[in-house]
Protein backbone atom coordinates (compact mmCIF):
# COMPACT_ATOMS: atom_id res chain seq x y z
CA UNK A 1 0.00 0.00 0.00
CA UNK A 2 1.47 3.40 -0.98
CA UNK A 3 2.24 5.94 1.71
CA UNK A 4 0.00 9.01 1.75
CA UNK A 5 1.27 12.56 1.47
CA UNK A 6 -0.66 15.80 1.74
CA UNK A 7 0.67 18.71 -0.30
CA UNK A 8 -0.62 22.08 0.90
CA UNK A 9 0.19 24.64 -1.76
CA UNK A 10 -1.86 27.60 -2.98
CA UNK A 11 -0.01 27.88 -6.30
CA UNK A 12 -1.76 25.40 -8.62
CA UNK A 13 1.26 24.95 -10.92
CA UNK A 14 3.60 24.10 -8.05
CA UNK A 15 0.99 21.77 -6.55
CA UNK A 16 0.66 19.90 -9.87
CA UNK A 17 4.42 19.59 -10.18
CA UNK A 18 4.79 18.26 -6.64
CA UNK A 19 1.95 15.79 -7.16
CA UNK A 20 3.48 14.57 -10.42
CA UNK A 21 6.91 13.97 -8.92
CA UNK A 22 5.65 12.41 -5.70
CA UNK A 23 3.27 10.15 -7.62
CA UNK A 24 6.22 9.00 -9.73
CA UNK A 25 7.83 7.93 -6.45
CA UNK A 26 4.70 5.81 -5.77
CA UNK A 27 3.16 8.00 -3.09
CA UNK A 28 -0.61 8.46 -2.80
CA UNK A 29 -0.75 12.26 -3.06
CA UNK A 30 -3.58 14.53 -1.93
CA UNK A 31 -3.35 18.22 -2.79
CA UNK A 32 -5.10 21.19 -1.25
CA UNK A 33 -4.56 24.91 -1.47
CA UNK A 34 -6.91 25.54 1.41
CA UNK A 35 -5.30 25.59 4.83
CA UNK A 36 -8.67 24.99 6.49
CA UNK A 37 -8.93 21.59 4.79
CA UNK A 38 -5.61 20.48 6.29
CA UNK A 39 -6.96 19.76 9.75
CA UNK A 40 -9.78 17.54 8.54
CA UNK A 41 -7.43 15.64 6.25
CA UNK A 42 -4.84 15.16 9.00
CA UNK A 43 -7.34 13.71 11.45
CA UNK A 44 -8.77 11.35 8.83
CA UNK A 45 -5.46 10.09 7.39
CA UNK A 46 -2.02 9.08 8.56
CA UNK A 47 0.04 12.15 7.76
CA UNK A 48 3.50 11.41 6.38
CA UNK A 49 4.64 14.72 4.90
CA UNK A 50 3.17 18.15 4.46
CA UNK A 51 4.43 21.11 2.42
PDB file of N, CA and C in Angstrom:
ATOM      1  N   UNK A   1       0.851  -1.178   0.000  1.00  0.00           N
ATOM      2  CA  UNK A   1       0.000   0.000   0.000  1.00  0.00           C
ATOM      3  C   UNK A   1       0.894   1.238   0.000  1.00  0.00           C
ATOM      4  N   UNK A   2       0.630   2.196  -0.919  1.00  0.00           N
ATOM      5  CA  UNK A   2       1.471   3.396  -0.975  1.00  0.00           C
ATOM      6  C   UNK A   2       1.266   4.290   0.240  1.00  0.00           C
ATOM      7  N   UNK A   3       2.321   4.973   0.614  1.00  0.00           N
ATOM      8  CA  UNK A   3       2.236   5.939   1.706  1.00  0.00           C
ATOM      9  C   UNK A   3       1.517   7.185   1.203  1.00  0.00           C
ATOM     10  N   UNK A   4       0.792   7.831   2.107  1.00  0.00           N
ATOM     11  CA  UNK A   4       0.004   9.008   1.754  1.00  0.00           C
ATOM     12  C   UNK A   4       0.746  10.281   2.135  1.00  0.00           C
ATOM     13  N   UNK A   5       0.649  11.259   1.238  1.00  0.00           N
ATOM     14  CA  UNK A   5       1.270  12.563   1.465  1.00  0.00           C
ATOM     15  C   UNK A   5       0.246  13.640   1.145  1.00  0.00           C
ATOM     16  N   UNK A   6       0.179  14.637   1.996  1.00  0.00           N
ATOM     17  CA  UNK A   6      -0.660  15.801   1.736  1.00  0.00           C
ATOM     18  C   UNK A   6       0.233  16.964   1.343  1.00  0.00           C
ATOM     19  N   UNK A   7      -0.035  17.524   0.173  1.00  0.00           N
ATOM     20  CA  UNK A   7       0.675  18.709  -0.295  1.00  0.00           C
ATOM     21  C   UNK A   7      -0.268  19.896  -0.095  1.00  0.00           C
ATOM     22  N   UNK A   8       0.162  20.867   0.680  1.00  0.00           N
ATOM     23  CA  UNK A   8      -0.625  22.084   0.900  1.00  0.00           C
ATOM     24  C   UNK A   8       0.102  23.210   0.186  1.00  0.00           C
ATOM     25  N   UNK A   9      -0.460  23.632  -0.915  1.00  0.00           N
ATOM     26  CA  UNK A   9       0.194  24.644  -1.759  1.00  0.00           C
ATOM     27  C   UNK A   9      -0.884  25.452  -2.465  1.00  0.00           C
ATOM     28  N   UNK A  10      -0.833  26.773  -2.349  1.00  0.00           N
ATOM     29  CA  UNK A  10      -1.862  27.601  -2.977  1.00  0.00           C
ATOM     30  C   UNK A  10      -1.550  27.947  -4.432  1.00  0.00           C
ATOM     31  N   UNK A  11      -0.347  27.672  -4.891  1.00  0.00           N
ATOM     32  CA  UNK A  11      -0.010  27.881  -6.296  1.00  0.00           C
ATOM     33  C   UNK A  11      -0.304  26.580  -7.047  1.00  0.00           C
ATOM     34  N   UNK A  12      -1.295  26.611  -7.923  1.00  0.00           N
ATOM     35  CA  UNK A  12      -1.757  25.396  -8.616  1.00  0.00           C
ATOM     36  C   UNK A  12      -0.656  24.737  -9.450  1.00  0.00           C
ATOM     37  N   UNK A  13       0.196  25.525 -10.092  1.00  0.00           N
ATOM     38  CA  UNK A  13       1.258  24.952 -10.917  1.00  0.00           C
ATOM     39  C   UNK A  13       2.276  24.193 -10.068  1.00  0.00           C
ATOM     40  N   UNK A  14       2.655  24.766  -8.950  1.00  0.00           N
ATOM     41  CA  UNK A  14       3.603  24.096  -8.050  1.00  0.00           C
ATOM     42  C   UNK A  14       2.965  22.841  -7.466  1.00  0.00           C
ATOM     43  N   UNK A  15       1.699  22.928  -7.100  1.00  0.00           N
ATOM     44  CA  UNK A  15       0.994  21.768  -6.548  1.00  0.00           C
ATOM     45  C   UNK A  15       0.955  20.622  -7.560  1.00  0.00           C
ATOM     46  N   UNK A  16       0.679  20.934  -8.825  1.00  0.00           N
ATOM     47  CA  UNK A  16       0.661  19.901  -9.874  1.00  0.00           C
ATOM     48  C   UNK A  16       2.028  19.266 -10.036  1.00  0.00           C
ATOM     49  N   UNK A  17       3.060  20.091 -10.028  1.00  0.00           N
ATOM     50  CA  UNK A  17       4.421  19.591 -10.183  1.00  0.00           C
ATOM     51  C   UNK A  17       4.816  18.677  -9.018  1.00  0.00           C
ATOM     52  N   UNK A  18       4.498  19.090  -7.803  1.00  0.00           N
ATOM     53  CA  UNK A  18       4.791  18.259  -6.635  1.00  0.00           C
ATOM     54  C   UNK A  18       4.024  16.939  -6.695  1.00  0.00           C
ATOM     55  N   UNK A  19       2.750  17.016  -7.065  1.00  0.00           N
ATOM     56  CA  UNK A  19       1.945  15.793  -7.160  1.00  0.00           C
ATOM     57  C   UNK A  19       2.516  14.852  -8.213  1.00  0.00           C
ATOM     58  N   UNK A  20       2.901  15.387  -9.339  1.00  0.00           N
ATOM     59  CA  UNK A  20       3.477  14.574 -10.418  1.00  0.00           C
ATOM     60  C   UNK A  20       4.732  13.845  -9.955  1.00  0.00           C
ATOM     61  N   UNK A  21       5.657  14.570  -9.354  1.00  0.00           N
ATOM     62  CA  UNK A  21       6.915  13.967  -8.925  1.00  0.00           C
ATOM     63  C   UNK A  21       6.726  12.983  -7.774  1.00  0.00           C
ATOM     64  N   UNK A  22       5.887  13.321  -6.820  1.00  0.00           N
ATOM     65  CA  UNK A  22       5.654  12.407  -5.701  1.00  0.00           C
ATOM     66  C   UNK A  22       4.893  11.163  -6.140  1.00  0.00           C
ATOM     67  N   UNK A  23       3.983  11.305  -7.076  1.00  0.00           N
ATOM     68  CA  UNK A  23       3.272  10.146  -7.620  1.00  0.00           C
ATOM     69  C   UNK A  23       4.229   9.225  -8.360  1.00  0.00           C
ATOM     70  N   UNK A  24       5.192   9.807  -9.053  1.00  0.00           N
ATOM     71  CA  UNK A  24       6.216   9.003  -9.735  1.00  0.00           C
ATOM     72  C   UNK A  24       7.023   8.175  -8.741  1.00  0.00           C
ATOM     73  N   UNK A  25       7.121   8.661  -7.504  1.00  0.00           N
ATOM     74  CA  UNK A  25       7.831   7.930  -6.446  1.00  0.00           C
ATOM     75  C   UNK A  25       6.898   6.967  -5.702  1.00  0.00           C
ATOM     76  N   UNK A  26       5.696   6.769  -6.268  1.00  0.00           N
ATOM     77  CA  UNK A  26       4.705   5.809  -5.771  1.00  0.00           C
ATOM     78  C   UNK A  26       4.038   6.213  -4.461  1.00  0.00           C
ATOM     79  N   UNK A  27       3.913   7.517  -4.224  1.00  0.00           N
ATOM     80  CA  UNK A  27       3.159   8.005  -3.085  1.00  0.00           C
ATOM     81  C   UNK A  27       1.717   8.262  -3.522  1.00  0.00           C
ATOM     82  N   UNK A  28       0.788   8.086  -2.601  1.00  0.00           N
ATOM     83  CA  UNK A  28      -0.607   8.462  -2.805  1.00  0.00           C
ATOM     84  C   UNK A  28      -0.702   9.918  -2.369  1.00  0.00           C
ATOM     85  N   UNK A  29      -0.865  10.830  -3.323  1.00  0.00           N
ATOM     86  CA  UNK A  29      -0.748  12.259  -3.062  1.00  0.00           C
ATOM     87  C   UNK A  29      -2.119  12.938  -3.064  1.00  0.00           C
ATOM     88  N   UNK A  30      -2.407  13.661  -2.001  1.00  0.00           N
ATOM     89  CA  UNK A  30      -3.577  14.528  -1.934  1.00  0.00           C
ATOM     90  C   UNK A  30      -3.069  15.961  -1.954  1.00  0.00           C
ATOM     91  N   UNK A  31      -3.775  16.820  -2.659  1.00  0.00           N
ATOM     92  CA  UNK A  31      -3.352  18.216  -2.792  1.00  0.00           C
ATOM     93  C   UNK A  31      -4.480  19.140  -2.362  1.00  0.00           C
ATOM     94  N   UNK A  32      -4.143  20.146  -1.590  1.00  0.00           N
ATOM     95  CA  UNK A  32      -5.099  21.190  -1.251  1.00  0.00           C
ATOM     96  C   UNK A  32      -4.378  22.535  -1.206  1.00  0.00           C
ATOM     97  N   UNK A  33      -5.081  23.557  -1.575  1.00  0.00           N
ATOM     98  CA  UNK A  33      -4.557  24.905  -1.470  1.00  0.00           C
ATOM     99  C   UNK A  33      -5.230  25.660  -0.339  1.00  0.00           C
ATOM    100  N   UNK A  34      -6.102  24.947   0.353  1.00  0.00           N
ATOM    101  CA  UNK A  34      -6.910  25.544   1.406  1.00  0.00           C
ATOM    102  C   UNK A  34      -6.423  25.059   2.768  1.00  0.00           C
ATOM    103  N   UNK A  35      -5.831  25.946   3.519  1.00  0.00           N
ATOM    104  CA  UNK A  35      -5.303  25.586   4.831  1.00  0.00           C
ATOM    105  C   UNK A  35      -6.355  25.064   5.788  1.00  0.00           C
ATOM    106  N   UNK A  36      -7.601  25.470   5.612  1.00  0.00           N
ATOM    107  CA  UNK A  36      -8.671  24.993   6.489  1.00  0.00           C
ATOM    108  C   UNK A  36      -8.974  23.512   6.280  1.00  0.00           C
ATOM    109  N   UNK A  37      -8.687  22.999   5.088  1.00  0.00           N
ATOM    110  CA  UNK A  37      -8.930  21.586   4.791  1.00  0.00           C
ATOM    111  C   UNK A  37      -7.857  20.687   5.400  1.00  0.00           C
ATOM    112  N   UNK A  38      -6.725  21.271   5.761  1.00  0.00           N
ATOM    113  CA  UNK A  38      -5.610  20.484   6.288  1.00  0.00           C
ATOM    114  C   UNK A  38      -6.000  19.735   7.551  1.00  0.00           C
ATOM    115  N   UNK A  39      -6.617  20.399   8.475  1.00  0.00           N
ATOM    116  CA  UNK A  39      -6.960  19.761   9.752  1.00  0.00           C
ATOM    117  C   UNK A  39      -7.847  18.537   9.546  1.00  0.00           C
ATOM    118  N   UNK A  40      -8.875  18.674   8.744  1.00  0.00           N
ATOM    119  CA  UNK A  40      -9.783  17.543   8.542  1.00  0.00           C
ATOM    120  C   UNK A  40      -9.082  16.390   7.837  1.00  0.00           C
ATOM    121  N   UNK A  41      -8.172  16.703   6.935  1.00  0.00           N
ATOM    122  CA  UNK A  41      -7.431  15.641   6.253  1.00  0.00           C
ATOM    123  C   UNK A  41      -6.489  14.948   7.228  1.00  0.00           C
ATOM    124  N   UNK A  42      -5.803  15.719   8.050  1.00  0.00           N
ATOM    125  CA  UNK A  42      -4.842  15.155   9.002  1.00  0.00           C
ATOM    126  C   UNK A  42      -5.520  14.208   9.976  1.00  0.00           C
ATOM    127  N   UNK A  43      -6.676  14.572  10.477  1.00  0.00           N
ATOM    128  CA  UNK A  43      -7.342  13.706  11.450  1.00  0.00           C
ATOM    129  C   UNK A  43      -7.952  12.464  10.797  1.00  0.00           C
ATOM    130  N   UNK A  44      -8.172  12.500   9.495  1.00  0.00           N
ATOM    131  CA  UNK A  44      -8.773  11.348   8.826  1.00  0.00           C
ATOM    132  C   UNK A  44      -7.743  10.426   8.163  1.00  0.00           C
ATOM    133  N   UNK A  45      -6.509  10.862   8.059  1.00  0.00           N
ATOM    134  CA  UNK A  45      -5.457  10.095   7.389  1.00  0.00           C
ATOM    135  C   UNK A  45      -4.225  10.000   8.277  1.00  0.00           C
ATOM    136  N   UNK A  46      -3.325   9.136   7.890  1.00  0.00           N
ATOM    137  CA  UNK A  46      -2.025   9.082   8.561  1.00  0.00           C
ATOM    138  C   UNK A  46      -1.092  10.029   7.811  1.00  0.00           C
ATOM    139  N   UNK A  47      -0.780  11.136   8.409  1.00  0.00           N
ATOM    140  CA  UNK A  47       0.041  12.150   7.764  1.00  0.00           C
ATOM    141  C   UNK A  47       1.496  11.725   7.743  1.00  0.00           C
ATOM    142  N   UNK A  48       2.098  11.752   6.556  1.00  0.00           N
ATOM    143  CA  UNK A  48       3.505  11.406   6.382  1.00  0.00           C
ATOM    144  C   UNK A  48       4.327  12.672   6.156  1.00  0.00           C
ATOM    145  N   UNK A  49       3.864  13.537   5.281  1.00  0.00           N
ATOM    146  CA  UNK A  49       4.643  14.718   4.896  1.00  0.00           C
ATOM    147  C   UNK A  49       3.697  15.818   4.475  1.00  0.00           C
ATOM    148  N   UNK A  50       3.999  17.033   4.843  1.00  0.00           N
ATOM    149  CA  UNK A  50       3.171  18.154   4.461  1.00  0.00           C
ATOM    150  C   UNK A  50       4.061  19.309   4.020  1.00  0.00           C
ATOM    151  N   UNK A  51       3.701  19.946   2.913  1.00  0.00           N
ATOM    152  CA  UNK A  51       4.431  21.113   2.419  1.00  0.00           C
ATOM    153  C   UNK A  51       3.626  22.352   2.701  1.00  0.00           C
TER     154      UNK A  51
END
